[in-house]
Amino acid sequence: QVQLEESGGGLVQVGDSLRLSCAASGHTSSSFRFSWFRQAPGKEREWIAGIRWNGSGRYYADSVQGRSTISVDNIKNTMYLQMNSLKSEDTAVYYCAADPRHAGIWHREHEYEYWGQGTQVTVSS
């Protein structure tokens, strides 16, 4: 069993930066894939970034490519999403998710077994 808990969200202005954190507990391993998803009110959940627990294979959705960085800290058992140049369109609840498999289709929500409860990001102009 794996538990995930997001933090770091809040109210920011357009152009600001945020670093979201996802603390993992339980039986994680280097074979796990971790991703960030987000969901705005009235919209479907959207995959935005993914990484393997060993730090390899970083992938990004077009919506955040070039202004976001996903990373892991194995010592702290924490995954991060650094977001820069925030836009109003980034307003959403952000979730971290984990898949025990070493490989898969990153954007497929159903492939992820473990989910956090989410952290709210609100970008105001």
C-alpha atoms as a PDB file:
ATOM      1  CA  GLN A   1       0.000   0.000   0.000  1.00  0.00           C
ATOM      2  CA  VAL A   2       1.188   3.487  -0.919  1.00  0.00           C
ATOM      3  CA  GLN A   3      -0.122   6.776   0.419  1.00  0.00           C
ATOM      4  CA  LEU A   4       0.376  10.083  -1.381  1.00  0.00           C
ATOM      5  CA  GLU A   5      -0.142  13.587  -0.036  1.00  0.00           C
ATOM      6  CA  GLU A   6       0.150  16.779  -2.068  1.00  0.00           C
ATOM      7  CA  SER A   7       1.092  20.182  -0.707  1.00  0.00           C
ATOM      8  CA  GLY A   8       2.342  23.544  -1.918  1.00  0.00           C
ATOM      9  CA  GLY A   9      -0.744  24.893  -3.614  1.00  0.00           C
ATOM     10  CA  GLY A  10      -2.191  28.300  -2.949  1.00  0.00           C
ATOM     11  CA  LEU A  11      -3.202  31.639  -4.408  1.00  0.00           C
ATOM     12  CA  VAL A  12      -0.661  33.193  -6.769  1.00  0.00           C
ATOM     13  CA  GLN A  13      -0.571  35.791  -9.511  1.00  0.00           C
ATOM     14  CA  VAL A  14      -0.085  35.343 -13.232  1.00  0.00           C
ATOM     15  CA  GLY A  15       3.623  34.951 -13.928  1.00  0.00           C
ATOM     16  CA  ASP A  16       4.469  33.632 -10.459  1.00  0.00           C
ATOM     17  CA  SER A  17       6.099  30.303  -9.671  1.00  0.00           C
ATOM     18  CA  LEU A  18       5.074  27.434  -7.425  1.00  0.00           C
ATOM     19  CA  ARG A  19       6.631  24.195  -6.302  1.00  0.00           C
ATOM     20  CA  LEU A  20       4.162  21.452  -5.575  1.00  0.00           C
ATOM     21  CA  SER A  21       5.191  18.511  -3.422  1.00  0.00           C
ATOM     22  CA  CYS A  22       3.928  14.954  -3.225  1.00  0.00           C
ATOM     23  CA  ALA A  23       5.049  13.015  -0.170  1.00  0.00           C
ATOM     24  CA  ALA A  24       4.971   9.245  -0.585  1.00  0.00           C
ATOM     25  CA  SER A  25       4.805   6.639   2.140  1.00  0.00           C
ATOM     26  CA  GLY A  26       4.563   2.883   1.993  1.00  0.00           C
ATOM     27  CA  HIS A  27       6.261   0.418  -0.300  1.00  0.00           C
ATOM     28  CA  THR A  28       7.528   2.467  -3.201  1.00  0.00           C
ATOM     29  CA  SER A  29      10.381   1.348  -5.424  1.00  0.00           C
ATOM     30  CA  SER A  30      12.388   2.484  -8.420  1.00  0.00           C
ATOM     31  CA  SER A  31       9.977   0.644 -10.694  1.00  0.00           C
ATOM     32  CA  PHE A  32       7.137   3.043  -9.871  1.00  0.00           C
ATOM     33  CA  ARG A  33       5.954   5.719 -12.245  1.00  0.00           C
ATOM     34  CA  PHE A  34       4.733   8.996 -10.757  1.00  0.00           C
ATOM     35  CA  SER A  35       2.663  11.629 -12.463  1.00  0.00           C
ATOM     36  CA  TRP A  36       0.966  14.915 -11.823  1.00  0.00           C
ATOM     37  CA  PHE A  37      -2.608  15.428 -12.964  1.00  0.00           C
ATOM     38  CA  ARG A  38      -4.864  18.432 -12.608  1.00  0.00           C
ATOM     39  CA  GLN A  39      -8.579  19.026 -12.777  1.00  0.00           C
ATOM     40  CA  ALA A  40     -10.363  22.326 -13.192  1.00  0.00           C
ATOM     41  CA  PRO A  41     -14.065  22.699 -12.302  1.00  0.00           C
ATOM     42  CA  GLY A  42     -16.261  21.202 -14.984  1.00  0.00           C
ATOM     43  CA  LYS A  43     -13.323  19.661 -16.850  1.00  0.00           C
ATOM     44  CA  GLU A  44     -11.823  16.202 -17.084  1.00  0.00           C
ATOM     45  CA  ARG A  45      -8.678  15.306 -15.214  1.00  0.00           C
ATOM     46  CA  GLU A  46      -5.613  16.170 -17.277  1.00  0.00           C
ATOM     47  CA  TRP A  47      -2.183  14.532 -17.163  1.00  0.00           C
ATOM     48  CA  ILE A  48       0.550  17.162 -17.113  1.00  0.00           C
ATOM     49  CA  ALA A  49       3.862  15.509 -16.154  1.00  0.00           C
ATOM     50  CA  GLY A  50       5.399  12.136 -15.323  1.00  0.00           C
ATOM     51  CA  ILE A  51       8.620  10.641 -13.979  1.00  0.00           C
ATOM     52  CA  ARG A  52       9.971   7.307 -12.757  1.00  0.00           C
ATOM     53  CA  TRP A  53      10.972   6.981  -9.115  1.00  0.00           C
ATOM     54  CA  ASN A  54      14.617   6.621 -10.111  1.00  0.00           C
ATOM     55  CA  GLY A  55      14.402  10.034 -11.770  1.00  0.00           C
ATOM     56  CA  SER A  56      14.493   8.877 -15.361  1.00  0.00           C
ATOM     57  CA  GLY A  57      12.047   9.408 -18.170  1.00  0.00           C
ATOM     58  CA  ARG A  58      10.659  12.892 -17.657  1.00  0.00           C
ATOM     59  CA  TYR A  59       7.612  13.700 -19.764  1.00  0.00           C
ATOM     60  CA  TYR A  60       5.357  16.729 -20.025  1.00  0.00           C
ATOM     61  CA  ALA A  61       2.049  17.666 -21.540  1.00  0.00           C
ATOM     62  CA  ASP A  62       2.073  20.448 -24.115  1.00  0.00           C
ATOM     63  CA  SER A  63       0.195  22.704 -21.710  1.00  0.00           C
ATOM     64  CA  VAL A  64       3.156  22.865 -19.290  1.00  0.00           C
ATOM     65  CA  GLN A  65       6.105  21.978 -21.527  1.00  0.00           C
ATOM     66  CA  GLY A  66       8.934  24.475 -21.254  1.00  0.00           C
ATOM     67  CA  ARG A  67       7.836  26.057 -17.988  1.00  0.00           C
ATOM     68  CA  SER A  68       7.578  23.090 -15.625  1.00  0.00           C
ATOM     69  CA  THR A  69      10.036  20.616 -14.142  1.00  0.00           C
ATOM     70  CA  ILE A  70       9.147  17.332 -12.482  1.00  0.00           C
ATOM     71  CA  SER A  71      11.655  15.744 -10.110  1.00  0.00           C
ATOM     72  CA  VAL A  72      12.010  13.244  -7.263  1.00  0.00           C
ATOM     73  CA  ASP A  73      13.972  13.251  -4.029  1.00  0.00           C
ATOM     74  CA  ASN A  74      14.452   9.643  -2.982  1.00  0.00           C
ATOM     75  CA  ILE A  75      15.875  10.583   0.422  1.00  0.00           C
ATOM     76  CA  LYS A  76      12.779  12.585   1.299  1.00  0.00           C
ATOM     77  CA  ASN A  77      10.427  10.229  -0.547  1.00  0.00           C
ATOM     78  CA  THR A  78       8.938  13.234  -2.275  1.00  0.00           C
ATOM     79  CA  MET A  79       8.067  14.163  -5.838  1.00  0.00           C
ATOM     80  CA  TYR A  80       7.983  17.770  -6.972  1.00  0.00           C
ATOM     81  CA  LEU A  81       6.487  19.830  -9.738  1.00  0.00           C
ATOM     82  CA  GLN A  82       8.117  23.217 -10.245  1.00  0.00           C
ATOM     83  CA  MET A  83       5.829  25.482 -12.243  1.00  0.00           C
ATOM     84  CA  ASN A  84       6.942  28.823 -13.624  1.00  0.00           C
ATOM     85  CA  SER A  85       5.199  31.539 -15.608  1.00  0.00           C
ATOM     86  CA  LEU A  86       1.844  30.528 -14.216  1.00  0.00           C
ATOM     87  CA  LYS A  87      -1.250  31.338 -16.227  1.00  0.00           C
ATOM     88  CA  SER A  88      -4.889  31.702 -15.291  1.00  0.00           C
ATOM     89  CA  GLU A  89      -5.495  28.462 -17.172  1.00  0.00           C
ATOM     90  CA  ASP A  90      -3.319  26.655 -14.605  1.00  0.00           C
ATOM     91  CA  THR A  91      -6.000  27.102 -11.947  1.00  0.00           C
ATOM     92  CA  ALA A  92      -7.027  23.604 -10.863  1.00  0.00           C
ATOM     93  CA  VAL A  93      -6.738  20.970  -8.187  1.00  0.00           C
ATOM     94  CA  TYR A  94      -3.419  19.205  -8.677  1.00  0.00           C
ATOM     95  CA  TYR A  95      -3.077  15.511  -7.902  1.00  0.00           C
ATOM     96  CA  CYS A  96      -0.125  13.182  -7.737  1.00  0.00           C
ATOM     97  CA  ALA A  97      -0.529   9.560  -8.728  1.00  0.00           C
ATOM     98  CA  ALA A  98       1.588   6.411  -8.744  1.00  0.00           C
ATOM     99  CA  ASP A  99       1.692   3.297 -10.924  1.00  0.00           C
ATOM    100  CA  PRO A 100       3.696   0.289  -9.638  1.00  0.00           C
ATOM    101  CA  ARG A 101       4.740  -0.607 -13.185  1.00  0.00           C
ATOM    102  CA  HIS A 102       7.996   0.655 -14.657  1.00  0.00           C
ATOM    103  CA  ALA A 103       6.357   1.580 -17.943  1.00  0.00           C
ATOM    104  CA  GLY A 104       2.984   2.485 -19.378  1.00  0.00           C
ATOM    105  CA  ILE A 105       1.046   5.141 -21.226  1.00  0.00           C
ATOM    106  CA  TRP A 106       1.690   8.232 -19.166  1.00  0.00           C
ATOM    107  CA  HIS A 107      -1.548  10.103 -19.802  1.00  0.00           C
ATOM    108  CA  ARG A 108      -3.876   7.162 -19.124  1.00  0.00           C
ATOM    109  CA  GLU A 109      -5.524   7.898 -15.801  1.00  0.00           C
ATOM    110  CA  HIS A 110      -6.712   4.326 -15.227  1.00  0.00           C
ATOM    111  CA  GLU A 111      -3.128   3.010 -15.157  1.00  0.00           C
ATOM    112  CA  TYR A 112      -2.424   4.738 -11.830  1.00  0.00           C
ATOM    113  CA  GLU A 113      -3.260   2.764  -8.718  1.00  0.00           C
ATOM    114  CA  TYR A 114      -2.517   5.328  -6.004  1.00  0.00           C
ATOM    115  CA  TRP A 115      -3.743   8.916  -5.744  1.00  0.00           C
ATOM    116  CA  GLY A 116      -3.393  11.814  -3.371  1.00  0.00           C
ATOM    117  CA  GLN A 117      -6.266  14.024  -2.282  1.00  0.00           C
ATOM    118  CA  GLY A 118      -5.121  17.041  -4.279  1.00  0.00           C
ATOM    119  CA  THR A 119      -3.912  20.565  -3.616  1.00  0.00           C
ATOM    120  CA  GLN A 120      -5.630  23.679  -4.951  1.00  0.00           C
ATOM    121  CA  VAL A 121      -3.741  26.091  -7.179  1.00  0.00           C
ATOM    122  CA  THR A 122      -5.450  29.375  -7.987  1.00  0.00           C
ATOM    123  CA  VAL A 123      -3.780  31.787 -10.398  1.00  0.00           C
ATOM    124  CA  SER A 124      -5.211  35.285 -10.285  1.00  0.00           C
ATOM    125  CA  SER A 125      -4.656  38.110 -12.745  1.00  0.00           C
END
